[in-house]
C-alpha atoms as a PDB file:
ATOM      1  CA  UNK A   1      16.396  -2.430  15.519  1.00  0.00           C
ATOM      2  CA  UNK A   2      14.718  -5.715  16.483  1.00  0.00           C
ATOM      3  CA  UNK A   3      15.285  -7.033  12.976  1.00  0.00           C
ATOM      4  CA  UNK A   4      19.024  -6.241  13.285  1.00  0.00           C
ATOM      5  CA  UNK A   5      19.228  -8.200  16.550  1.00  0.00           C
ATOM      6  CA  UNK A   6      17.455 -11.177  14.975  1.00  0.00           C
ATOM      7  CA  UNK A   7      19.706 -11.044  11.906  1.00  0.00           C
ATOM      8  CA  UNK A   8      22.860 -10.923  14.050  1.00  0.00           C
ATOM      9  CA  UNK A   9      21.664 -13.920  16.102  1.00  0.00           C
ATOM     10  CA  UNK A  10      20.944 -15.866  12.939  1.00  0.00           C
ATOM     11  CA  UNK A  11      24.341 -14.938  11.506  1.00  0.00           C
ATOM     12  CA  UNK A  12      26.000 -16.114  14.722  1.00  0.00           C
ATOM     13  CA  UNK A  13      23.960 -19.303  14.655  1.00  0.00           C
ATOM     14  CA  UNK A  14      25.198 -20.040  11.173  1.00  0.00           C
ATOM     15  CA  UNK A  15      28.806 -19.459  12.190  1.00  0.00           C
ATOM     16  CA  UNK A  16      30.376 -22.869  12.788  1.00  0.00           C
ATOM     17  CA  UNK A  17      31.885 -21.827  16.091  1.00  0.00           C
ATOM     18  CA  UNK A  18      28.570 -20.740  17.608  1.00  0.00           C
ATOM     19  CA  UNK A  19      25.408 -22.449  18.636  1.00  0.00           C
ATOM     20  CA  UNK A  20      22.038 -21.025  19.474  1.00  0.00           C
ATOM     21  CA  UNK A  21      20.639 -21.851  22.894  1.00  0.00           C
ATOM     22  CA  UNK A  22      17.309 -20.143  23.463  1.00  0.00           C
ATOM     23  CA  UNK A  23      17.783 -16.392  23.576  1.00  0.00           C
ATOM     24  CA  UNK A  24      21.516 -16.759  24.382  1.00  0.00           C
ATOM     25  CA  UNK A  25      24.230 -17.452  21.852  1.00  0.00           C
ATOM     26  CA  UNK A  26      27.264 -19.300  23.210  1.00  0.00           C
ATOM     27  CA  UNK A  27      30.589 -20.137  21.627  1.00  0.00           C
ATOM     28  CA  UNK A  28      31.457 -23.757  20.944  1.00  0.00           C
ATOM     29  CA  UNK A  29      34.469 -25.062  22.762  1.00  0.00           C
ATOM     30  CA  UNK A  30      37.109 -24.962  20.047  1.00  0.00           C
ATOM     31  CA  UNK A  31      39.877 -26.263  22.286  1.00  0.00           C
ATOM     32  CA  UNK A  32      40.530 -29.974  22.706  1.00  0.00           C
ATOM     33  CA  UNK A  33      39.046 -29.987  26.203  1.00  0.00           C
ATOM     34  CA  UNK A  34      35.814 -31.995  26.508  1.00  0.00           C
ATOM     35  CA  UNK A  35      32.531 -30.141  26.451  1.00  0.00           C
ATOM     36  CA  UNK A  36      29.982 -30.491  29.205  1.00  0.00           C
ATOM     37  CA  UNK A  37      27.179 -32.815  28.191  1.00  0.00           C
ATOM     38  CA  UNK A  38      23.845 -31.100  27.861  1.00  0.00           C
ATOM     39  CA  UNK A  39      20.693 -33.109  28.550  1.00  0.00           C
ATOM     40  CA  UNK A  40      18.826 -31.918  25.447  1.00  0.00           C
ATOM     41  CA  UNK A  41      19.677 -30.501  22.072  1.00  0.00           C
ATOM     42  CA  UNK A  42      19.499 -26.730  21.653  1.00  0.00           C
ATOM     43  CA  UNK A  43      16.352 -25.222  20.131  1.00  0.00           C
ATOM     44  CA  UNK A  44      16.508 -23.988  16.555  1.00  0.00           C
ATOM     45  CA  UNK A  45      17.687 -20.475  15.827  1.00  0.00           C
ATOM     46  CA  UNK A  46      14.998 -17.794  16.177  1.00  0.00           C
ATOM     47  CA  UNK A  47      12.942 -17.170  13.020  1.00  0.00           C
ATOM     48  CA  UNK A  48      12.978 -13.885  11.194  1.00  0.00           C
ATOM     49  CA  UNK A  49      10.195 -11.512  12.158  1.00  0.00           C
ATOM     50  CA  UNK A  50       6.890 -12.967  11.027  1.00  0.00           C
ATOM     51  CA  UNK A  51       4.544 -11.191   8.654  1.00  0.00           C
ATOM     52  CA  UNK A  52       1.093 -10.163   9.845  1.00  0.00           C
ATOM     53  CA  UNK A  53      -1.869 -12.106   8.471  1.00  0.00           C
ATOM     54  CA  UNK A  54      -3.166 -10.850   5.118  1.00  0.00           C
ATOM     55  CA  UNK A  55      -5.946  -8.256   5.075  1.00  0.00           C
ATOM     56  CA  UNK A  56      -9.552  -9.364   4.708  1.00  0.00           C
ATOM     57  CA  UNK A  57     -11.435  -8.033   1.667  1.00  0.00           C
ATOM     58  CA  UNK A  58     -15.108  -8.789   1.134  1.00  0.00           C
ATOM     59  CA  UNK A  59     -18.265  -7.341  -0.494  1.00  0.00           C
ATOM     60  CA  UNK A  60     -19.985  -4.672   1.551  1.00  0.00           C
ATOM     61  CA  UNK A  61     -23.073  -5.479   3.589  1.00  0.00           C
ATOM     62  CA  UNK A  62     -25.991  -3.122   4.072  1.00  0.00           C
ATOM     63  CA  UNK A  63     -25.146  -3.081   7.786  1.00  0.00           C
ATOM     64  CA  UNK A  64     -21.642  -1.761   6.982  1.00  0.00           C
ATOM     65  CA  UNK A  65     -22.994   1.623   5.834  1.00  0.00           C
ATOM     66  CA  UNK A  66     -22.390   3.388   9.164  1.00  0.00           C
ATOM     67  CA  UNK A  67     -18.796   2.136   9.383  1.00  0.00           C
ATOM     68  CA  UNK A  68     -18.084   3.116   5.785  1.00  0.00           C
ATOM     69  CA  UNK A  69     -19.629   6.565   6.257  1.00  0.00           C
ATOM     70  CA  UNK A  70     -17.486   7.127   9.361  1.00  0.00           C
ATOM     71  CA  UNK A  71     -14.345   5.867   7.609  1.00  0.00           C
ATOM     72  CA  UNK A  72     -14.857   8.142   4.602  1.00  0.00           C
ATOM     73  CA  UNK A  73     -15.720  11.092   6.842  1.00  0.00           C
ATOM     74  CA  UNK A  74     -12.625  10.705   9.037  1.00  0.00           C
ATOM     75  CA  UNK A  75     -10.335  10.205   6.059  1.00  0.00           C
ATOM     76  CA  UNK A  76     -11.817  13.135   4.130  1.00  0.00           C
ATOM     77  CA  UNK A  77     -11.563  15.419   7.144  1.00  0.00           C
ATOM     78  CA  UNK A  78      -7.903  14.520   7.655  1.00  0.00           C
ATOM     79  CA  UNK A  79      -6.797  14.964   4.055  1.00  0.00           C
ATOM     80  CA  UNK A  80      -9.144  17.575   2.575  1.00  0.00           C
ATOM     81  CA  UNK A  81      -9.967  19.915   5.462  1.00  0.00           C
ATOM     82  CA  UNK A  82      -7.124  22.252   4.488  1.00  0.00           C
ATOM     83  CA  UNK A  83      -8.692  22.963   1.092  1.00  0.00           C
ATOM     84  CA  UNK A  84     -12.283  23.818   2.081  1.00  0.00           C
ATOM     85  CA  UNK A  85     -14.054  25.623   4.868  1.00  0.00           C
ATOM     86  CA  UNK A  86     -15.161  23.573   7.855  1.00  0.00           C
ATOM     87  CA  UNK A  87     -18.795  24.242   6.947  1.00  0.00           C
ATOM     88  CA  UNK A  88     -18.319  23.102   3.330  1.00  0.00           C
ATOM     89  CA  UNK A  89     -16.670  19.887   4.487  1.00  0.00           C
ATOM     90  CA  UNK A  90     -19.400  19.246   7.040  1.00  0.00           C
ATOM     91  CA  UNK A  91     -22.123  19.885   4.437  1.00  0.00           C
ATOM     92  CA  UNK A  92     -20.449  17.563   1.929  1.00  0.00           C
ATOM     93  CA  UNK A  93     -20.037  14.762   4.472  1.00  0.00           C
ATOM     94  CA  UNK A  94     -23.618  15.164   5.717  1.00  0.00           C
ATOM     95  CA  UNK A  95     -25.154  15.168   2.247  1.00  0.00           C
ATOM     96  CA  UNK A  96     -23.012  12.974  -0.018  1.00  0.00           C
ATOM     97  CA  UNK A  97     -21.394  10.605   2.463  1.00  0.00           C
ATOM     98  CA  UNK A  98     -23.977  10.177   5.192  1.00  0.00           C
ATOM     99  CA  UNK A  99     -24.992   6.720   6.373  1.00  0.00           C
ATOM    100  CA  UNK A 100     -28.330   6.999   4.554  1.00  0.00           C
ATOM    101  CA  UNK A 101     -26.613   8.039   1.305  1.00  0.00           C
ATOM    102  CA  UNK A 102     -24.162   5.133   1.566  1.00  0.00           C
ATOM    103  CA  UNK A 103     -27.119   2.772   2.165  1.00  0.00           C
ATOM    104  CA  UNK A 104     -28.782   4.092  -1.008  1.00  0.00           C
ATOM    105  CA  UNK A 105     -25.598   3.461  -2.974  1.00  0.00           C
ATOM    106  CA  UNK A 106     -25.251  -0.058  -1.545  1.00  0.00           C
ATOM    107  CA  UNK A 107     -28.830  -0.870  -2.583  1.00  0.00           C
ATOM    108  CA  UNK A 108     -28.241   0.401  -6.114  1.00  0.00           C
ATOM    109  CA  UNK A 109     -27.301  -2.733  -8.065  1.00  0.00           C
ATOM    110  CA  UNK A 110     -25.183  -0.625 -10.394  1.00  0.00           C
ATOM    111  CA  UNK A 111     -22.623  -0.083  -7.603  1.00  0.00           C
ATOM    112  CA  UNK A 112     -20.053  -2.565  -6.363  1.00  0.00           C
ATOM    113  CA  UNK A 113     -18.404  -1.955  -3.002  1.00  0.00           C
ATOM    114  CA  UNK A 114     -15.594  -3.924  -1.400  1.00  0.00           C
ATOM    115  CA  UNK A 115     -14.437  -3.287   2.150  1.00  0.00           C
ATOM    116  CA  UNK A 116     -11.179  -4.192   3.821  1.00  0.00           C
ATOM    117  CA  UNK A 117     -10.201  -4.995   7.382  1.00  0.00           C
ATOM    118  CA  UNK A 118      -7.177  -6.344   9.171  1.00  0.00           C
ATOM    119  CA  UNK A 119      -7.666  -9.554  11.134  1.00  0.00           C
ATOM    120  CA  UNK A 120      -7.815  -9.107  14.887  1.00  0.00           C
ATOM    121  CA  UNK A 121      -7.879 -11.673  17.639  1.00  0.00           C
ATOM    122  CA  UNK A 122     -10.872 -11.920  19.908  1.00  0.00           C
ATOM    123  CA  UNK A 123     -12.941  -9.110  18.418  1.00  0.00           C
ATOM    124  CA  UNK A 124     -14.868  -8.323  15.278  1.00  0.00           C
ATOM    125  CA  UNK A 125     -12.807  -6.857  12.454  1.00  0.00           C
ATOM    126  CA  UNK A 126     -13.208  -3.134  11.975  1.00  0.00           C
ATOM    127  CA  UNK A 127     -13.649  -1.810   8.440  1.00  0.00           C
ATOM    128  CA  UNK A 128     -10.563   0.224   7.604  1.00  0.00           C
ATOM    129  CA  UNK A 129     -10.870   0.615   3.829  1.00  0.00           C
ATOM    130  CA  UNK A 130     -13.460   0.777   1.069  1.00  0.00           C
ATOM    131  CA  UNK A 131     -13.434   0.807  -2.728  1.00  0.00           C
ATOM    132  CA  UNK A 132     -16.419   1.738  -4.911  1.00  0.00           C
ATOM    133  CA  UNK A 133     -16.737   0.538  -8.514  1.00  0.00           C
ATOM    134  CA  UNK A 134     -19.379   1.699 -10.996  1.00  0.00           C
ATOM    135  CA  UNK A 135     -19.847  -0.329 -14.206  1.00  0.00           C
ATOM    136  CA  UNK A 136     -21.355   1.365 -17.266  1.00  0.00           C
ATOM    137  CA  UNK A 137     -20.166   4.796 -16.142  1.00  0.00           C
ATOM    138  CA  UNK A 138     -18.873   6.831 -19.067  1.00  0.00           C
ATOM    139  CA  UNK A 139     -17.373  10.215 -19.791  1.00  0.00           C
ATOM    140  CA  UNK A 140     -17.188  11.657 -23.321  1.00  0.00           C
ATOM    141  CA  UNK A 141     -13.388  11.686 -23.207  1.00  0.00           C
ATOM    142  CA  UNK A 142     -13.074   7.934 -22.545  1.00  0.00           C
ATOM    143  CA  UNK A 143     -11.816   5.770 -25.382  1.00  0.00           C
ATOM    144  CA  UNK A 144     -11.280   2.649 -23.277  1.00  0.00           C
ATOM    145  CA  UNK A 145     -12.994  -0.606 -24.147  1.00  0.00           C
ATOM    146  CA  UNK A 146     -15.607  -1.828 -21.649  1.00  0.00           C
ATOM    147  CA  UNK A 147     -14.576   0.517 -18.821  1.00  0.00           C
ATOM    148  CA  UNK A 148     -15.548   0.475 -15.166  1.00  0.00           C
ATOM    149  CA  UNK A 149     -15.263   3.544 -12.972  1.00  0.00           C
ATOM    150  CA  UNK A 150     -13.055   3.306  -9.905  1.00  0.00           C
ATOM    151  CA  UNK A 151     -15.031   5.951  -8.049  1.00  0.00           C
ATOM    152  CA  UNK A 152     -13.697   5.823  -4.484  1.00  0.00           C
ATOM    153  CA  UNK A 153     -10.830   4.380  -2.522  1.00  0.00           C
ATOM    154  CA  UNK A 154     -10.512   5.295   1.133  1.00  0.00           C
ATOM    155  CA  UNK A 155      -8.039   3.736   3.549  1.00  0.00           C
ATOM    156  CA  UNK A 156      -7.945   4.860   7.173  1.00  0.00           C
ATOM    157  CA  UNK A 157      -4.696   6.758   7.861  1.00  0.00           C
ATOM    158  CA  UNK A 158      -3.787   4.301  10.634  1.00  0.00           C
ATOM    159  CA  UNK A 159      -3.551   1.534   8.017  1.00  0.00           C
ATOM    160  CA  UNK A 160      -1.300   3.284   5.515  1.00  0.00           C
ATOM    161  CA  UNK A 161       1.626   0.968   4.850  1.00  0.00           C
ATOM    162  CA  UNK A 162      -0.217  -2.133   6.104  1.00  0.00           C
ATOM    163  CA  UNK A 163      -0.826  -3.633   2.650  1.00  0.00           C
ATOM    164  CA  UNK A 164      -4.568  -3.134   2.990  1.00  0.00           C
ATOM    165  CA  UNK A 165      -4.861  -0.743   0.040  1.00  0.00           C
ATOM    166  CA  UNK A 166      -2.800  -3.085  -2.157  1.00  0.00           C
ATOM    167  CA  UNK A 167      -5.103  -6.001  -1.311  1.00  0.00           C
ATOM    168  CA  UNK A 168      -8.196  -3.881  -1.874  1.00  0.00           C
ATOM    169  CA  UNK A 169      -7.047  -2.599  -5.274  1.00  0.00           C
ATOM    170  CA  UNK A 170      -6.128  -6.151  -6.352  1.00  0.00           C
ATOM    171  CA  UNK A 171      -9.592  -7.360  -5.291  1.00  0.00           C
ATOM    172  CA  UNK A 172     -11.188  -4.418  -7.140  1.00  0.00           C
ATOM    173  CA  UNK A 173      -9.315  -5.405 -10.286  1.00  0.00           C
ATOM    174  CA  UNK A 174     -10.555  -9.002  -9.968  1.00  0.00           C
ATOM    175  CA  UNK A 175     -14.120  -7.815  -9.327  1.00  0.00           C
ATOM    176  CA  UNK A 176     -13.902  -5.536 -12.372  1.00  0.00           C
ATOM    177  CA  UNK A 177     -12.906  -8.454 -14.577  1.00  0.00           C
ATOM    178  CA  UNK A 178     -15.713 -10.571 -13.121  1.00  0.00           C
ATOM    179  CA  UNK A 179     -18.136  -7.767 -14.034  1.00  0.00           C
ATOM    180  CA  UNK A 180     -16.873  -7.896 -17.641  1.00  0.00           C
ATOM    181  CA  UNK A 181     -14.703  -4.782 -17.591  1.00  0.00           C
ATOM    182  CA  UNK A 182     -11.583  -4.596 -19.737  1.00  0.00           C
ATOM    183  CA  UNK A 183     -10.366  -1.263 -18.399  1.00  0.00           C
ATOM    184  CA  UNK A 184     -10.607   0.834 -15.252  1.00  0.00           C
ATOM    185  CA  UNK A 185     -10.790   4.588 -15.072  1.00  0.00           C
ATOM    186  CA  UNK A 186     -10.490   6.787 -12.001  1.00  0.00           C
ATOM    187  CA  UNK A 187     -13.447   9.059 -11.360  1.00  0.00           C
ATOM    188  CA  UNK A 188     -13.008  12.077  -9.117  1.00  0.00           C
END
């Protein structure tokens, strides 16, 4: 709705019989009568809606383990709770995705983690996405040359549609190439 208003104002501003004056759009005087003299020229037409700043993607820090564990836990609970019992989900999150388990995985040099956040003014960015890559991980069925396993990708539900997952996957692809991979396979 806001975009439609902006587009209509811009269309009116481009019409030769209209001029843009701040938030108001006024018609030019098309008759031969003299126009009133204005002390200053009108401001430019309003810009189209601006895009938000791009997401931040960076390698995980050891101190990010708690945030990543919470992110994965919240996302898993939202999307997988329907398919398992509450106890099974709780056990899985407590054993495989606990803060201590994430710290172990971060310390393992075999793993590569990237985290994503959206820029925010005046406060520290909150981790809203994570990707986990594992080089030298093979399955007997793989015929890919120099593969890397794309083991996890979690994006907080509040950030779906924000472009964060796109940025994170693009960064994961670049990191994979930097690690010498020629192909990526999805582990589940």
